[in-house]
Amino acid sequence: MKDVQNIKGDYKFAINKVGVNNLTHPIRIKAKSGEVVATVGNFSLAVNLSKSLKGINMSRLPQLLSELNKDRFIIGNFKEDILMILKEIKSRMESDTAYFEVEFDYFIEKQAPVSEYSGITPYKCRIEASLDSDHYDLILTVEVPITTLCPCSKEISNYSAHNQRGYVKTSIRYNDAIYLEDIIELVEEVGSCEIYPILKRVDEKYVTEKAYENPRFVEDVVRLVAERLSIESKVTWFKVSSMHQESIHPHDAYAMLERWK
């Protein structure tokens, strides 16, 4: 059969990135505990294309994911395992540069702070990676929900203070193995209080009082996360943003901080 996409010619422009995206597929992640978290990823796989070729053999990209799933491939070390996938993409596609992105929910069992009832909390995660002849780059992103209590509201009110739910998005480049749990724990510790999937009355009392004793502005949250990341030797770059859904305003509060180390 005629292979149209491999027809050679002068097509005027090289293409930086061409491939498939919005591809839903199973993915398995090894947790810090050693257990495997099975979830569903939304993938984007791509390569560069020279101006001498009409197109790429696009079916090879989802085929690779299918083969990995059939082999029950588990991502344990993000940097090492994603590098292997990128090398395979480059080889199969005969390209100079390969790109890999995936978004997925990572599930962690959490106990309520007092009653110890267990439930499952999802954390939105993203991996963005690229590989060319000279450079391998990977950014790991985790979004962590937290509770925050407004310091200003607490200061000016005779009683109570307004709360909000915050979403802290932390992206890192790093040089050694890091688990998703490490990033999640770091962020949850700086909020006014953690978010729990199940709360009984004794837990609600605990959460309310803990938040009241630990008020946080959106500015406080990004600075505290950045402070912890700045002393983490494995991290070489970070970007922290936090969006708080205001309970007494029609808008959200937002802050972002980015640094190379």
Protein backbone atom coordinates (compact mmCIF):
# COMPACT_ATOMS: atom_id res chain seq x y z
CA MET A 1 0.00 0.00 0.00
CA LYS A 2 1.17 3.51 -0.73
CA ASP A 3 2.73 5.20 2.31
CA VAL A 4 1.52 8.77 1.78
CA GLN A 5 2.92 10.30 4.95
CA ASN A 6 6.45 9.21 4.02
CA ILE A 7 6.44 10.93 0.64
CA LYS A 8 9.59 13.04 0.44
CA GLY A 9 9.67 16.56 -0.91
CA ASP A 10 10.22 20.18 0.01
CA TYR A 11 7.26 21.11 2.19
CA LYS A 12 8.60 24.61 3.01
CA PHE A 13 8.44 24.32 6.80
CA ALA A 14 9.67 21.90 9.42
CA ILE A 15 7.14 21.21 12.18
CA ASN A 16 8.16 21.61 15.80
CA LYS A 17 5.65 19.19 17.26
CA VAL A 18 3.22 16.75 15.65
CA GLY A 19 1.50 13.73 17.15
CA VAL A 20 -1.58 12.72 19.14
CA ASN A 21 -3.21 14.35 22.14
CA ASN A 22 -6.31 13.92 24.28
CA LEU A 23 -5.58 10.19 24.27
CA THR A 24 -7.19 8.44 27.23
CA HIS A 25 -5.35 5.35 28.42
CA PRO A 26 -4.66 3.38 31.64
CA ILE A 27 -1.55 4.24 33.61
CA ARG A 28 0.07 2.63 36.64
CA ILE A 29 2.14 4.60 39.17
CA LYS A 30 4.25 3.06 41.93
CA ALA A 31 3.47 4.77 45.23
CA LYS A 32 6.05 5.62 47.88
CA SER A 33 4.73 2.64 49.86
CA GLY A 34 5.57 0.31 46.98
CA GLU A 35 1.92 -0.28 46.09
CA VAL A 36 0.72 0.39 42.56
CA VAL A 37 -1.89 3.08 41.92
CA ALA A 38 -3.95 2.28 38.82
CA THR A 39 -5.54 5.32 37.23
CA VAL A 40 -6.42 6.84 33.84
CA GLY A 41 -4.16 9.25 32.00
CA ASN A 42 -4.83 11.82 29.32
CA PHE A 43 -1.79 11.57 27.05
CA SER A 44 -0.07 13.72 24.46
CA LEU A 45 2.76 12.14 22.44
CA ALA A 46 4.61 14.00 19.70
CA VAL A 47 7.81 14.39 17.70
CA ASN A 48 9.37 16.97 15.41
CA LEU A 49 9.12 16.65 11.62
CA SER A 50 11.60 17.83 9.02
CA LYS A 51 10.42 19.78 6.00
CA SER A 52 11.52 16.92 3.73
CA LEU A 53 8.74 14.60 5.00
CA LYS A 54 5.01 15.03 4.47
CA GLY A 55 3.91 13.43 7.73
CA ILE A 56 4.61 10.98 10.54
CA ASN A 57 3.51 7.39 11.16
CA MET A 58 1.03 8.59 13.77
CA SER A 59 -0.44 5.18 14.65
CA ARG A 60 2.90 4.15 16.18
CA LEU A 61 2.31 6.51 19.11
CA PRO A 62 -0.92 5.03 20.54
CA GLN A 63 0.46 1.62 19.60
CA LEU A 64 3.35 2.22 22.00
CA LEU A 65 0.95 3.01 24.85
CA SER A 66 -1.05 -0.12 24.11
CA GLU A 67 2.08 -2.26 24.21
CA LEU A 68 3.19 -0.73 27.50
CA ASN A 69 -0.23 -1.40 29.00
CA LYS A 70 -0.22 -4.98 27.73
CA ASP A 71 3.17 -5.46 29.40
CA ARG A 72 1.66 -3.96 32.61
CA PHE A 73 4.30 -1.24 32.59
CA ILE A 74 4.58 0.65 35.89
CA ILE A 75 6.07 4.12 36.25
CA GLY A 76 8.22 3.92 39.37
CA ASN A 77 10.97 6.48 38.89
CA PHE A 78 9.46 9.27 36.79
CA LYS A 79 12.71 10.56 35.32
CA GLU A 80 14.13 7.15 34.41
CA ASP A 81 10.92 5.57 33.13
CA ILE A 82 9.73 8.56 31.10
CA LEU A 83 13.21 8.84 29.57
CA MET A 84 12.89 5.24 28.41
CA ILE A 85 9.53 6.04 26.77
CA LEU A 86 10.94 9.12 25.03
CA LYS A 87 13.87 7.13 23.66
CA GLU A 88 11.45 4.55 22.33
CA ILE A 89 9.35 7.26 20.67
CA LYS A 90 12.43 8.73 18.99
CA SER A 91 13.51 5.31 17.77
CA ARG A 92 10.13 4.24 16.40
CA MET A 93 9.38 7.59 14.80
CA GLU A 94 12.96 8.14 13.57
CA SER A 95 12.81 11.68 14.95
CA ASP A 96 15.29 14.09 16.50
CA THR A 97 12.99 15.22 19.32
CA ALA A 98 10.25 13.48 21.30
CA TYR A 99 7.59 14.88 23.61
CA PHE A 100 5.54 13.21 26.33
CA GLU A 101 2.74 14.68 28.45
CA VAL A 102 0.21 13.01 30.69
CA GLU A 103 -2.39 14.26 33.16
CA PHE A 104 -3.91 11.91 35.72
CA ASP A 105 -5.57 11.70 39.13
CA TYR A 106 -3.37 10.15 41.79
CA PHE A 107 -5.35 8.51 44.61
CA ILE A 108 -4.20 8.43 48.23
CA GLU A 109 -6.04 6.91 51.17
CA LYS A 110 -6.34 9.41 54.02
CA GLN A 111 -7.62 8.99 57.55
CA ALA A 112 -9.72 11.61 59.29
CA PRO A 113 -7.62 13.33 62.01
CA VAL A 114 -9.64 12.18 65.04
CA SER A 115 -12.16 9.47 64.10
CA GLU A 116 -9.64 7.88 61.70
CA TYR A 117 -12.32 7.04 59.15
CA SER A 118 -10.57 6.38 55.83
CA GLY A 119 -11.42 7.70 52.41
CA ILE A 120 -9.75 8.32 49.06
CA THR A 121 -8.44 11.73 48.01
CA PRO A 122 -7.58 12.43 44.35
CA TYR A 123 -4.69 14.76 43.44
CA LYS A 124 -4.39 16.16 39.92
CA CYS A 125 -0.94 15.47 38.48
CA ARG A 126 0.88 16.27 35.26
CA ILE A 127 4.16 15.15 33.70
CA GLU A 128 5.69 17.14 30.82
CA ALA A 129 8.89 15.81 29.26
CA SER A 130 10.98 16.22 26.12
CA LEU A 131 14.14 14.66 24.71
CA ASP A 132 16.40 15.80 21.88
CA SER A 133 19.99 14.98 21.00
CA ASP A 134 21.40 17.27 23.71
CA HIS A 135 18.84 17.69 26.45
CA TYR A 136 16.28 15.79 28.53
CA ASP A 137 13.76 17.87 30.45
CA LEU A 138 10.98 16.78 32.80
CA ILE A 139 8.57 18.86 34.85
CA LEU A 140 6.42 17.20 37.49
CA THR A 141 3.27 19.06 38.64
CA VAL A 142 0.91 18.27 41.49
CA GLU A 143 -2.22 20.20 42.50
CA VAL A 144 -3.06 19.93 46.20
CA PRO A 145 -6.32 21.18 47.76
CA ILE A 146 -6.04 22.85 51.17
CA THR A 147 -8.15 24.86 53.60
CA THR A 148 -7.09 28.42 54.41
CA LEU A 149 -8.43 30.90 56.93
CA CYS A 150 -8.07 34.63 56.29
CA PRO A 151 -5.63 36.32 58.74
CA CYS A 152 -7.24 39.72 58.16
CA SER A 153 -10.73 38.39 58.86
CA LYS A 154 -9.51 36.79 62.07
CA GLU A 155 -7.77 39.98 63.19
CA ILE A 156 -10.68 42.38 62.66
CA SER A 157 -13.58 40.15 63.74
CA ASN A 158 -14.80 39.75 67.30
CA TYR A 159 -15.44 36.09 66.60
CA SER A 160 -14.94 33.63 63.76
CA ALA A 161 -13.22 34.27 60.41
CA HIS A 162 -13.96 33.37 56.82
CA ASN A 163 -12.39 30.31 55.18
CA GLN A 164 -11.67 29.33 51.63
CA ARG A 165 -10.57 26.25 49.74
CA GLY A 166 -7.21 26.71 48.11
CA TYR A 167 -5.65 24.82 45.21
CA VAL A 168 -1.86 24.83 45.31
CA LYS A 169 -0.16 23.84 42.06
CA THR A 170 3.51 22.93 42.48
CA SER A 171 5.78 22.23 39.51
CA ILE A 172 9.37 21.08 39.90
CA ARG A 173 12.45 20.12 37.95
CA TYR A 174 14.68 17.85 39.98
CA ASN A 175 17.79 15.68 39.85
CA ASP A 176 16.93 12.61 41.92
CA ALA A 177 13.95 10.37 42.68
CA ILE A 178 10.97 12.21 44.18
CA TYR A 179 7.60 10.73 45.03
CA LEU A 180 4.26 12.45 44.55
CA GLU A 181 3.59 11.89 48.24
CA ASP A 182 6.62 14.05 49.10
CA ILE A 183 5.22 17.06 47.24
CA ILE A 184 1.69 16.53 48.54
CA GLU A 185 2.85 16.30 52.15
CA LEU A 186 5.02 19.40 51.80
CA VAL A 187 2.09 21.47 50.54
CA GLU A 188 -0.50 20.15 52.98
CA GLU A 189 1.70 21.05 55.91
CA VAL A 190 1.71 24.78 55.06
CA GLY A 191 -2.04 25.27 54.66
CA SER A 192 -4.34 26.31 57.48
CA CYS A 193 -5.51 22.69 57.47
CA GLU A 194 -5.60 19.67 55.20
CA ILE A 195 -8.60 18.55 53.17
CA TYR A 196 -10.05 15.18 54.21
CA PRO A 197 -12.42 12.92 52.22
CA ILE A 198 -14.46 11.90 55.31
CA LEU A 199 -15.14 14.01 58.42
CA LYS A 200 -17.24 13.11 61.43
CA ARG A 201 -18.24 15.76 63.97
CA VAL A 202 -15.12 15.30 66.08
CA ASP A 203 -13.01 15.72 62.94
CA GLU A 204 -14.89 18.85 61.86
CA LYS A 205 -14.17 20.38 65.26
CA TYR A 206 -10.48 19.57 64.83
CA VAL A 207 -10.31 20.98 61.29
CA THR A 208 -12.15 24.18 62.22
CA GLU A 209 -9.97 24.88 65.24
CA LYS A 210 -6.71 23.99 63.48
CA ALA A 211 -7.51 26.34 60.60
CA TYR A 212 -8.36 29.13 63.07
CA GLU A 213 -4.97 28.71 64.75
CA ASN A 214 -3.11 28.72 61.41
CA PRO A 215 -4.42 31.62 59.29
CA ARG A 216 -2.90 31.96 55.81
CA PHE A 217 -3.05 34.50 53.02
CA VAL A 218 -2.57 33.20 49.48
CA GLU A 219 0.80 35.01 49.60
CA ASP A 220 1.75 33.07 52.73
CA VAL A 221 1.04 29.74 51.08
CA VAL A 222 3.24 30.22 48.01
CA ARG A 223 6.08 31.65 50.11
CA LEU A 224 5.97 28.78 52.59
CA VAL A 225 5.96 26.15 49.85
CA ALA A 226 8.82 27.96 48.10
CA GLU A 227 10.79 28.13 51.34
CA ARG A 228 10.60 24.36 51.72
CA LEU A 229 11.42 23.66 48.10
CA SER A 230 14.39 26.01 48.22
CA ILE A 231 16.09 23.83 50.84
CA GLU A 232 15.24 20.55 49.10
CA SER A 233 18.53 19.51 47.49
CA LYS A 234 16.82 17.37 44.82
CA VAL A 235 14.85 20.30 43.39
CA THR A 236 16.59 22.51 40.81
CA TRP A 237 13.62 24.69 39.75
CA PHE A 238 10.14 25.27 41.05
CA LYS A 239 6.96 27.14 40.25
CA VAL A 240 4.27 27.46 42.90
CA SER A 241 0.84 28.98 42.36
CA SER A 242 -2.15 29.04 44.66
CA MET A 243 -5.75 29.91 43.85
CA HIS A 244 -8.17 30.39 46.74
CA GLN A 245 -11.92 30.31 46.19
CA GLU A 246 -13.07 33.24 48.28
CA SER A 247 -16.14 32.60 50.42
CA ILE A 248 -17.12 36.30 50.78
CA HIS A 249 -16.07 37.65 47.35
CA PRO A 250 -17.22 36.85 43.81
CA HIS A 251 -13.60 36.44 42.72
CA ASP A 252 -10.65 34.20 43.63
CA ALA A 253 -7.35 35.17 45.25
CA TYR A 254 -4.20 34.15 43.36
CA ALA A 255 -0.42 34.18 43.78
CA MET A 256 2.52 32.66 41.87
CA LEU A 257 6.23 32.32 42.56
CA GLU A 258 8.91 30.82 40.27
CA ARG A 259 12.62 30.27 40.92
CA TRP A 260 15.71 28.52 39.55
CA LYS A 261 18.09 27.35 42.25
